[in-house]
Amino acid sequence: MVTIHRTTEASSNTGVLQVRGWALGVVLGLAAGVCFALESGHVDRSPAVLLEEKINPNTAPIASLIRLPRIGVARAQAIVAHRQHRPDGPGGRTAFNRPDDLTEVSGIGPRTVDDVAAWLEFDGSERARPARR
């Protein structure tokens, strides 16, 4: 005797939905893991600035500034705007004479200064002075 089993459309769709749900879960889990790794600093997002290569924040264009760690387009634009709107001080002082001067720019704090200090050079005699801790 031969028994014929009929599969209904509902039961075949259930299997497809389960596979799709599983695949979606895997994709979302991987995406969340990558986002977490990027935000927690476990993935190296350091820029393509060589340690031998120095950037002068008084003259560098936005394209150069964004190569620095923790400096994106918005911060680079803020650095350029700050140096353009800052009146020269006594003796023709430039906007930035040492790494700590970058904290005068909105959005840049001590942590950012510490991260970029190794890649910065400055005009004048204070060039080699390290950032204050």
C-alpha atoms as a PDB file:
ATOM      1  CA  MET A   1       0.000   0.000   0.000  1.00  0.00           C
ATOM      2  CA  VAL A   2       1.318   3.449  -0.952  1.00  0.00           C
ATOM      3  CA  THR A   3       0.662   6.408   1.217  1.00  0.00           C
ATOM      4  CA  ILE A   4       0.764   9.830  -0.342  1.00  0.00           C
ATOM      5  CA  HIS A   5       1.567  12.752   1.883  1.00  0.00           C
ATOM      6  CA  ARG A   6       0.526  16.090   0.723  1.00  0.00           C
ATOM      7  CA  THR A   7       2.536  19.051   1.838  1.00  0.00           C
ATOM      8  CA  THR A   8       0.521  22.098   2.249  1.00  0.00           C
ATOM      9  CA  GLU A   9       1.775  25.457   1.173  1.00  0.00           C
ATOM     10  CA  ALA A  10       1.747  26.644   4.773  1.00  0.00           C
ATOM     11  CA  SER A  11       4.155  23.937   5.965  1.00  0.00           C
ATOM     12  CA  SER A  12       6.665  24.556   3.143  1.00  0.00           C
ATOM     13  CA  ASN A  13       6.548  28.303   3.795  1.00  0.00           C
ATOM     14  CA  THR A  14       7.296  27.692   7.481  1.00  0.00           C
ATOM     15  CA  GLY A  15      10.618  26.055   6.601  1.00  0.00           C
ATOM     16  CA  VAL A  16      11.591  28.894   4.296  1.00  0.00           C
ATOM     17  CA  LEU A  17      10.681  31.469   6.936  1.00  0.00           C
ATOM     18  CA  GLN A  18      12.745  29.632   9.557  1.00  0.00           C
ATOM     19  CA  VAL A  19      15.808  29.628   7.309  1.00  0.00           C
ATOM     20  CA  ARG A  20      15.350  33.287   6.452  1.00  0.00           C
ATOM     21  CA  GLY A  21      14.905  34.163  10.120  1.00  0.00           C
ATOM     22  CA  TRP A  22      18.063  32.260  11.047  1.00  0.00           C
ATOM     23  CA  ALA A  23      20.066  33.946   8.270  1.00  0.00           C
ATOM     24  CA  LEU A  24      18.773  37.383   9.292  1.00  0.00           C
ATOM     25  CA  GLY A  25      19.758  36.662  12.904  1.00  0.00           C
ATOM     26  CA  VAL A  26      23.288  35.708  11.856  1.00  0.00           C
ATOM     27  CA  VAL A  27      23.701  38.828   9.707  1.00  0.00           C
ATOM     28  CA  LEU A  28      22.391  41.138  12.438  1.00  0.00           C
ATOM     29  CA  GLY A  29      24.611  39.433  15.037  1.00  0.00           C
ATOM     30  CA  LEU A  30      27.699  39.908  12.883  1.00  0.00           C
ATOM     31  CA  ALA A  31      26.825  43.537  12.202  1.00  0.00           C
ATOM     32  CA  ALA A  32      26.333  44.204  15.922  1.00  0.00           C
ATOM     33  CA  GLY A  33      29.662  42.534  16.693  1.00  0.00           C
ATOM     34  CA  VAL A  34      31.507  44.673  14.152  1.00  0.00           C
ATOM     35  CA  CYS A  35      29.883  47.855  15.475  1.00  0.00           C
ATOM     36  CA  PHE A  36      30.795  46.919  19.047  1.00  0.00           C
ATOM     37  CA  ALA A  37      34.388  46.173  18.062  1.00  0.00           C
ATOM     38  CA  LEU A  38      34.716  49.502  16.251  1.00  0.00           C
ATOM     39  CA  GLU A  39      33.275  51.488  19.146  1.00  0.00           C
ATOM     40  CA  SER A  40      35.267  49.689  21.831  1.00  0.00           C
ATOM     41  CA  GLY A  41      38.570  50.270  20.068  1.00  0.00           C
ATOM     42  CA  HIS A  42      39.343  46.602  19.396  1.00  0.00           C
ATOM     43  CA  VAL A  43      39.693  47.261  15.682  1.00  0.00           C
ATOM     44  CA  ASP A  44      42.581  49.406  14.518  1.00  0.00           C
ATOM     45  CA  ARG A  45      41.133  52.423  12.733  1.00  0.00           C
ATOM     46  CA  SER A  46      44.392  54.323  12.755  1.00  0.00           C
ATOM     47  CA  PRO A  47      44.947  56.578   9.784  1.00  0.00           C
ATOM     48  CA  ALA A  48      47.545  56.247   7.086  1.00  0.00           C
ATOM     49  CA  VAL A  49      49.908  58.710   8.752  1.00  0.00           C
ATOM     50  CA  LEU A  50      53.442  57.439   9.061  1.00  0.00           C
ATOM     51  CA  LEU A  51      55.233  58.359  12.263  1.00  0.00           C
ATOM     52  CA  GLU A  52      57.943  60.072  10.198  1.00  0.00           C
ATOM     53  CA  GLU A  53      55.262  62.202   8.584  1.00  0.00           C
ATOM     54  CA  LYS A  54      54.214  65.247  10.619  1.00  0.00           C
ATOM     55  CA  ILE A  55      51.205  67.486  10.091  1.00  0.00           C
ATOM     56  CA  ASN A  56      51.179  71.167  11.009  1.00  0.00           C
ATOM     57  CA  PRO A  57      47.674  72.081  12.221  1.00  0.00           C
ATOM     58  CA  ASN A  58      48.392  75.735  11.374  1.00  0.00           C
ATOM     59  CA  THR A  59      48.742  75.034   7.657  1.00  0.00           C
ATOM     60  CA  ALA A  60      47.328  71.564   6.941  1.00  0.00           C
ATOM     61  CA  PRO A  61      44.235  71.262   4.748  1.00  0.00           C
ATOM     62  CA  ILE A  62      41.213  69.283   5.900  1.00  0.00           C
ATOM     63  CA  ALA A  63      42.304  66.302   3.781  1.00  0.00           C
ATOM     64  CA  SER A  64      45.520  66.028   5.806  1.00  0.00           C
ATOM     65  CA  LEU A  65      43.918  66.644   9.190  1.00  0.00           C
ATOM     66  CA  ILE A  66      41.388  63.828   8.787  1.00  0.00           C
ATOM     67  CA  ARG A  67      44.267  61.358   8.524  1.00  0.00           C
ATOM     68  CA  LEU A  68      45.010  61.946  12.204  1.00  0.00           C
ATOM     69  CA  PRO A  69      43.543  59.601  14.847  1.00  0.00           C
ATOM     70  CA  ARG A  70      40.147  60.725  16.210  1.00  0.00           C
ATOM     71  CA  ILE A  71      39.969  63.618  13.736  1.00  0.00           C
ATOM     72  CA  GLY A  72      37.087  63.332  11.321  1.00  0.00           C
ATOM     73  CA  VAL A  73      35.717  65.825   8.856  1.00  0.00           C
ATOM     74  CA  ALA A  74      33.836  67.853  11.479  1.00  0.00           C
ATOM     75  CA  ARG A  75      36.860  68.223  13.770  1.00  0.00           C
ATOM     76  CA  ALA A  76      39.159  69.005  10.833  1.00  0.00           C
ATOM     77  CA  GLN A  77      36.760  71.729   9.700  1.00  0.00           C
ATOM     78  CA  ALA A  78      36.660  73.095  13.258  1.00  0.00           C
ATOM     79  CA  ILE A  79      40.486  73.227  13.373  1.00  0.00           C
ATOM     80  CA  VAL A  80      40.625  75.139  10.085  1.00  0.00           C
ATOM     81  CA  ALA A  81      37.838  77.514  11.167  1.00  0.00           C
ATOM     82  CA  HIS A  82      39.548  78.150  14.500  1.00  0.00           C
ATOM     83  CA  ARG A  83      42.878  79.038  12.938  1.00  0.00           C
ATOM     84  CA  GLN A  84      41.219  81.284  10.315  1.00  0.00           C
ATOM     85  CA  HIS A  85      39.171  83.246  12.854  1.00  0.00           C
ATOM     86  CA  ARG A  86      41.789  83.532  15.560  1.00  0.00           C
ATOM     87  CA  PRO A  87      43.482  86.906  15.581  1.00  0.00           C
ATOM     88  CA  ASP A  88      47.269  86.774  15.663  1.00  0.00           C
ATOM     89  CA  GLY A  89      48.591  87.368  19.119  1.00  0.00           C
ATOM     90  CA  PRO A  90      51.721  89.241  20.157  1.00  0.00           C
ATOM     91  CA  GLY A  91      54.626  88.569  17.853  1.00  0.00           C
ATOM     92  CA  GLY A  92      52.399  87.082  15.146  1.00  0.00           C
ATOM     93  CA  ARG A  93      51.584  83.988  17.256  1.00  0.00           C
ATOM     94  CA  THR A  94      49.913  81.254  15.246  1.00  0.00           C
ATOM     95  CA  ALA A  95      46.731  79.529  16.377  1.00  0.00           C
ATOM     96  CA  PHE A  96      48.530  76.379  17.520  1.00  0.00           C
ATOM     97  CA  ASN A  97      52.007  76.340  19.051  1.00  0.00           C
ATOM     98  CA  ARG A  98      51.827  73.026  20.920  1.00  0.00           C
ATOM     99  CA  PRO A  99      49.446  70.059  21.029  1.00  0.00           C
ATOM    100  CA  ASP A 100      47.486  71.368  24.031  1.00  0.00           C
ATOM    101  CA  ASP A 101      46.429  74.421  22.011  1.00  0.00           C
ATOM    102  CA  LEU A 102      44.092  72.154  20.045  1.00  0.00           C
ATOM    103  CA  THR A 103      41.832  71.933  23.117  1.00  0.00           C
ATOM    104  CA  GLU A 104      40.725  75.489  22.249  1.00  0.00           C
ATOM    105  CA  VAL A 105      38.838  73.924  19.328  1.00  0.00           C
ATOM    106  CA  SER A 106      35.302  72.833  20.147  1.00  0.00           C
ATOM    107  CA  GLY A 107      35.074  69.038  20.252  1.00  0.00           C
ATOM    108  CA  ILE A 108      38.755  68.393  20.944  1.00  0.00           C
ATOM    109  CA  GLY A 109      39.753  67.364  24.442  1.00  0.00           C
ATOM    110  CA  PRO A 110      42.830  66.000  26.187  1.00  0.00           C
ATOM    111  CA  ARG A 111      42.292  62.431  24.943  1.00  0.00           C
ATOM    112  CA  THR A 112      42.234  63.538  21.317  1.00  0.00           C
ATOM    113  CA  VAL A 113      45.310  65.692  21.896  1.00  0.00           C
ATOM    114  CA  ASP A 114      47.155  62.699  23.378  1.00  0.00           C
ATOM    115  CA  ASP A 115      46.189  60.567  20.376  1.00  0.00           C
ATOM    116  CA  VAL A 116      47.372  63.073  17.758  1.00  0.00           C
ATOM    117  CA  ALA A 117      50.394  64.656  19.469  1.00  0.00           C
ATOM    118  CA  ALA A 118      52.933  62.253  17.931  1.00  0.00           C
ATOM    119  CA  TRP A 119      51.904  63.300  14.407  1.00  0.00           C
ATOM    120  CA  LEU A 120      51.940  67.056  14.919  1.00  0.00           C
ATOM    121  CA  GLU A 121      54.570  69.682  14.196  1.00  0.00           C
ATOM    122  CA  PHE A 122      54.369  73.382  14.932  1.00  0.00           C
ATOM    123  CA  ASP A 123      55.896  76.641  13.777  1.00  0.00           C
ATOM    124  CA  GLY A 124      58.402  78.331  16.039  1.00  0.00           C
ATOM    125  CA  SER A 125      60.474  77.331  19.013  1.00  0.00           C
ATOM    126  CA  GLU A 126      57.796  75.411  20.942  1.00  0.00           C
ATOM    127  CA  ARG A 127      57.699  72.718  18.278  1.00  0.00           C
ATOM    128  CA  ALA A 128      59.259  69.965  20.373  1.00  0.00           C
ATOM    129  CA  ARG A 129      57.401  70.687  23.614  1.00  0.00           C
ATOM    130  CA  PRO A 130      55.244  67.637  24.485  1.00  0.00           C
ATOM    131  CA  ALA A 131      51.601  67.882  25.430  1.00  0.00           C
ATOM    132  CA  ARG A 132      50.847  68.518  29.107  1.00  0.00           C
ATOM    133  CA  ARG A 133      49.302  65.632  31.017  1.00  0.00           C
END
